Amino acid sequence: MLNALIIDDEEDACKNIHYILDTHFSERIHVLPAVHSTAAADHAMSNHSIQLFFVDIDMPVESGISFVSRHAGSIKNVVFVTAYDQYAIDAFKLHAMDYILKPIDEDAFVHSVQHILDHSLARQPQELQQFAQQVASKEPIDVIVLRDKQEVTRIQIKDIIYIEAEKAYSKIVYRTSKSMHTFYASHNLAHYEEILEAHEFIRVHKSYLVNKALIAKFHLKESFVLLCDSIKIPVSRRKQAGLIKII
């Protein structure tokens, strides 16, 4: 989950931005207490890891433009939220993700934040380095480590239900004691097929790798498997014979 900081000397503006973020992105963004000056923002940055900034421009003592310029290279994902349109060129020279005018249009704001989240996903680093090192060394592996820019997640391999190809990415669907979860990883499906083969994950379709232990039923006529009694995954015709032998 990303930490977001709102920097604005207007209390109502802070409340409005906080409300929109909580309404639309509560599962992906944690909003820190808003601050009303760049000095307070500096203090917040010294106490928190912050990945997303919503910055007003016209503030006492130091402007938002000056604040971002002062931290150039150390802060990313900045959205300027201001009543003034004349600073847009300066903002984008600082690589701002967006420049939103007050009063805020909620739909435009939501679209902007969603774009930032998608962009962060596309830039996520290699999340299985530790796992790959274990594979190369032939060490026993029970846990897969998934990393993105905000957090590290350790997953028991036995809890992975299936992995689906998503163009250059893979969608990893796994379960915990409470619910199911999804993680988008920056490797293709062939990568996971190779490293999970020893754990009896099987390729049932060009787009799906499934956990054999979780196959509840195989419907030969309609060519699909049921995982955990409810998740329906297609099986390609050329994979049917091999799947019958395995299960």
Protein backbone atom coordinates (compact mmCIF):
# COMPACT_ATOMS: atom_id res chain seq x y z
CA MET A 1 0.00 0.00 0.00
CA LEU A 2 1.27 3.49 -0.86
CA ASN A 3 1.58 6.23 1.73
CA ALA A 4 0.21 9.56 0.47
CA LEU A 5 0.80 13.02 1.90
CA ILE A 6 -1.39 16.08 1.26
CA ILE A 7 0.46 19.41 1.55
CA ASP A 8 -1.94 22.36 1.49
CA ASP A 9 -2.51 25.33 3.78
CA GLU A 10 -6.28 25.17 3.18
CA GLU A 11 -8.03 22.79 5.58
CA ASP A 12 -11.06 22.29 3.29
CA ALA A 13 -8.84 21.35 0.35
CA CYS A 14 -7.05 18.77 2.49
CA LYS A 15 -10.33 17.27 3.63
CA ASN A 16 -11.65 17.11 0.06
CA ILE A 17 -8.58 15.31 -1.30
CA HIS A 18 -8.55 12.94 1.68
CA TYR A 19 -12.23 12.13 1.12
CA ILE A 20 -11.73 11.32 -2.58
CA LEU A 21 -8.73 9.09 -1.87
CA ASP A 22 -10.54 7.23 0.90
CA THR A 23 -13.65 6.80 -1.23
CA HIS A 24 -11.91 5.41 -4.31
CA PHE A 25 -8.52 4.04 -3.25
CA SER A 26 -8.75 2.92 0.38
CA GLU A 27 -7.34 -0.53 -0.44
CA ARG A 28 -4.26 0.83 -2.22
CA ILE A 29 -3.50 4.20 -0.64
CA HIS A 30 -2.99 5.08 3.02
CA VAL A 31 -3.45 8.81 3.54
CA LEU A 32 -1.18 10.27 6.21
CA PRO A 33 -2.36 13.26 8.28
CA ALA A 34 -2.35 16.33 6.05
CA VAL A 35 0.20 19.08 6.64
CA HIS A 36 -0.23 22.80 6.03
CA SER A 37 3.33 23.90 5.30
CA THR A 38 6.44 22.60 3.60
CA ALA A 39 8.26 22.60 6.95
CA ALA A 40 5.64 20.21 8.29
CA ALA A 41 6.01 18.17 5.11
CA ASP A 42 9.76 17.87 5.72
CA HIS A 43 9.00 16.57 9.21
CA ALA A 44 6.49 14.03 7.87
CA MET A 45 9.05 12.80 5.32
CA SER A 46 11.59 12.24 8.08
CA ASN A 47 9.15 9.96 9.89
CA HIS A 48 7.42 8.13 7.04
CA SER A 49 8.18 6.52 3.72
CA ILE A 50 5.94 8.46 1.31
CA GLN A 51 5.28 7.41 -2.28
CA LEU A 52 2.60 9.89 -3.37
CA PHE A 53 2.41 13.66 -2.84
CA PHE A 54 -0.50 16.06 -3.41
CA VAL A 55 1.02 19.53 -3.26
CA ASP A 56 -0.56 22.98 -3.28
CA ILE A 57 1.54 25.73 -4.87
CA ASP A 58 0.60 29.00 -3.19
CA MET A 59 1.56 28.49 0.47
CA PRO A 60 3.13 30.75 3.13
CA VAL A 61 6.92 30.79 3.57
CA GLU A 62 7.68 28.33 0.75
CA SER A 63 5.72 27.45 -2.38
CA GLY A 64 4.92 23.93 -3.49
CA ILE A 65 7.11 24.43 -6.57
CA SER A 66 10.07 25.38 -4.39
CA PHE A 67 9.44 22.43 -2.05
CA VAL A 68 9.41 19.87 -4.87
CA SER A 69 12.44 21.51 -6.50
CA ARG A 70 14.32 21.32 -3.19
CA HIS A 71 13.61 17.60 -3.00
CA ALA A 72 14.27 16.92 -6.69
CA GLY A 73 15.43 13.37 -7.14
CA SER A 74 14.24 12.17 -3.74
CA ILE A 75 10.46 12.39 -4.14
CA LYS A 76 8.40 11.00 -6.97
CA ASN A 77 4.73 10.76 -7.92
CA VAL A 78 3.88 14.40 -7.29
CA VAL A 79 0.47 15.83 -8.20
CA PHE A 80 0.14 19.59 -7.94
CA VAL A 81 -3.34 20.69 -6.83
CA THR A 82 -3.75 24.46 -7.14
CA ALA A 83 -6.10 27.30 -8.00
CA TYR A 84 -3.51 28.85 -10.34
CA ASP A 85 -2.84 27.67 -13.89
CA GLN A 86 0.27 29.77 -14.58
CA TYR A 87 2.68 27.38 -12.86
CA ALA A 88 1.94 24.33 -15.00
CA ILE A 89 5.11 24.59 -17.09
CA ASP A 90 7.25 24.86 -13.96
CA ALA A 91 5.42 21.88 -12.46
CA PHE A 92 6.01 19.61 -15.42
CA LYS A 93 9.67 20.64 -15.59
CA LEU A 94 9.84 19.03 -12.15
CA HIS A 95 8.35 15.82 -13.65
CA ALA A 96 4.99 16.22 -11.93
CA MET A 97 2.62 13.36 -12.62
CA ASP A 98 -0.30 15.77 -13.02
CA TYR A 99 -1.44 19.37 -12.49
CA ILE A 100 -5.00 19.62 -11.19
CA LEU A 101 -6.89 22.89 -10.83
CA LYS A 102 -9.20 23.78 -7.97
CA PRO A 103 -12.08 23.40 -7.54
CA ILE A 104 -11.28 19.72 -8.00
CA ASP A 105 -13.22 17.71 -10.54
CA GLU A 106 -13.58 14.37 -8.74
CA ASP A 107 -13.71 12.21 -11.90
CA ALA A 108 -10.58 13.84 -13.32
CA PHE A 109 -8.81 13.49 -9.99
CA VAL A 110 -9.68 9.79 -9.72
CA HIS A 111 -8.52 9.19 -13.29
CA SER A 112 -5.21 10.90 -12.52
CA VAL A 113 -4.55 8.83 -9.40
CA GLN A 114 -5.49 5.62 -11.17
CA HIS A 115 -3.00 6.46 -13.92
CA ILE A 116 -0.28 6.91 -11.30
CA LEU A 117 -1.09 3.56 -9.72
CA ASP A 118 -0.98 1.85 -13.11
CA HIS A 119 2.29 3.58 -13.93
CA SER A 120 3.82 2.43 -10.65
CA LEU A 121 2.75 -1.13 -11.43
CA ALA A 122 4.44 -1.01 -14.82
CA ARG A 123 7.67 0.18 -13.20
CA GLN A 124 7.77 -2.34 -10.36
CA PRO A 125 11.18 -3.99 -9.87
CA GLN A 126 11.97 -7.68 -10.24
CA GLU A 127 10.05 -9.20 -7.35
CA LEU A 128 11.38 -12.75 -7.30
CA GLN A 129 15.13 -12.25 -7.00
CA GLN A 130 15.42 -14.13 -3.73
CA PHE A 131 13.28 -16.95 -5.03
CA ALA A 132 15.33 -17.24 -8.22
CA GLN A 133 18.53 -17.45 -6.19
CA GLN A 134 17.08 -20.31 -4.19
CA VAL A 135 16.12 -22.13 -7.37
CA ALA A 136 19.64 -21.77 -8.76
CA SER A 137 21.19 -23.10 -5.56
CA LYS A 138 18.74 -26.05 -5.40
CA GLU A 139 17.68 -25.10 -1.89
CA PRO A 140 14.26 -26.28 -0.67
CA ILE A 141 11.65 -23.62 -1.39
CA ASP A 142 8.38 -23.23 0.47
CA VAL A 143 7.85 -19.49 0.17
CA ILE A 144 7.66 -17.13 -2.77
CA VAL A 145 8.65 -13.50 -2.20
CA LEU A 146 6.77 -10.84 -4.16
CA ARG A 147 8.10 -7.31 -4.19
CA ASP A 148 6.76 -4.05 -5.54
CA LYS A 149 7.72 -0.44 -4.84
CA GLN A 150 5.64 -0.26 -1.66
CA GLU A 151 5.92 -3.60 0.12
CA VAL A 152 7.26 -7.13 0.27
CA THR A 153 4.81 -10.04 0.50
CA ARG A 154 5.78 -13.59 1.49
CA ILE A 155 3.43 -16.26 0.17
CA GLN A 156 3.42 -19.96 0.90
CA ILE A 157 3.73 -21.69 -2.48
CA LYS A 158 1.01 -24.15 -1.48
CA ASP A 159 -1.38 -21.18 -1.17
CA ILE A 160 -0.99 -20.10 -4.81
CA ILE A 161 -4.16 -21.17 -6.62
CA TYR A 162 -3.24 -20.30 -10.20
CA ILE A 163 -1.17 -17.93 -12.29
CA GLU A 164 -2.59 -16.30 -15.40
CA ALA A 165 -0.69 -14.71 -18.28
CA GLU A 166 -1.35 -10.96 -18.62
CA LYS A 167 0.73 -9.96 -21.67
CA ALA A 168 4.25 -9.37 -20.34
CA TYR A 169 3.04 -9.79 -16.75
CA SER A 170 1.56 -12.62 -14.72
CA LYS A 171 -1.43 -12.43 -12.38
CA ILE A 172 -0.75 -14.52 -9.28
CA VAL A 173 -3.93 -15.51 -7.43
CA TYR A 174 -3.36 -16.84 -3.91
CA ARG A 175 -5.32 -17.40 -0.73
CA THR A 176 -4.86 -16.63 2.94
CA SER A 177 -6.91 -17.77 5.90
CA LYS A 178 -9.28 -14.84 5.35
CA SER A 179 -9.59 -14.25 1.61
CA MET A 180 -8.16 -14.43 -1.90
CA HIS A 181 -5.60 -11.96 -3.23
CA THR A 182 -4.08 -10.95 -6.57
CA PHE A 183 -0.56 -9.79 -7.34
CA TYR A 184 0.66 -8.60 -10.76
CA ALA A 185 4.25 -9.72 -11.28
CA SER A 186 6.75 -8.57 -13.88
CA HIS A 187 7.58 -12.00 -15.30
CA ASN A 188 5.84 -14.03 -18.00
CA LEU A 189 4.09 -17.32 -17.36
CA ALA A 190 6.97 -19.45 -18.69
CA HIS A 191 9.15 -18.06 -15.91
CA TYR A 192 6.80 -19.37 -13.24
CA GLU A 193 6.23 -22.66 -15.04
CA GLU A 194 9.96 -23.38 -14.80
CA ILE A 195 10.48 -22.44 -11.17
CA LEU A 196 7.23 -24.02 -9.86
CA GLU A 197 7.48 -27.29 -11.75
CA ALA A 198 8.92 -29.08 -8.71
CA HIS A 199 5.83 -28.05 -6.74
CA GLU A 200 3.47 -29.80 -9.16
CA PHE A 201 2.09 -26.71 -10.79
CA ILE A 202 0.88 -27.69 -14.23
CA ARG A 203 0.24 -25.75 -17.43
CA VAL A 204 -3.34 -26.54 -18.48
CA HIS A 205 -3.63 -23.77 -21.06
CA LYS A 206 -1.32 -21.33 -22.81
CA SER A 207 -2.53 -18.68 -20.36
CA TYR A 208 -2.87 -20.66 -17.13
CA LEU A 209 -0.63 -22.46 -14.65
CA VAL A 210 -2.53 -24.18 -11.83
CA ASN A 211 -1.78 -25.78 -8.49
CA LYS A 212 -2.42 -29.50 -9.02
CA ALA A 213 -3.19 -30.04 -5.33
CA LEU A 214 -6.14 -27.65 -5.58
CA ILE A 215 -7.84 -29.27 -8.59
CA ALA A 216 -11.25 -30.42 -7.38
CA LYS A 217 -12.74 -31.58 -10.69
CA PHE A 218 -11.82 -31.94 -14.34
CA HIS A 219 -14.73 -31.61 -16.78
CA LEU A 220 -13.45 -33.40 -19.84
CA LYS A 221 -16.40 -32.66 -22.14
CA GLU A 222 -16.40 -28.91 -21.47
CA SER A 223 -12.61 -28.87 -21.01
CA PHE A 224 -12.09 -26.98 -17.76
CA VAL A 225 -10.91 -27.66 -14.23
CA LEU A 226 -12.42 -26.45 -10.98
CA LEU A 227 -9.99 -25.22 -8.36
CA CYS A 228 -11.04 -25.04 -4.71
CA ASP A 229 -14.52 -26.13 -5.92
CA SER A 230 -15.38 -22.74 -7.41
CA ILE A 231 -12.67 -21.31 -9.67
CA LYS A 232 -13.14 -22.35 -13.28
CA ILE A 233 -9.99 -22.54 -15.44
CA PRO A 234 -10.05 -23.55 -19.15
CA VAL A 235 -8.03 -26.53 -20.34
CA SER A 236 -6.71 -26.57 -23.90
CA ARG A 237 -7.53 -29.65 -25.99
CA ARG A 238 -3.89 -30.62 -26.40
CA LYS A 239 -3.38 -30.54 -22.61
CA GLN A 240 -6.28 -32.87 -21.83
CA ALA A 241 -4.48 -36.22 -22.22
CA GLY A 242 -1.54 -35.16 -20.09
CA LEU A 243 -3.84 -33.76 -17.41
CA ILE A 244 -5.79 -37.01 -17.20
CA LYS A 245 -2.57 -38.95 -16.59
CA ILE A 246 -1.43 -36.53 -13.90
CA ILE A 247 -4.63 -36.45 -11.87
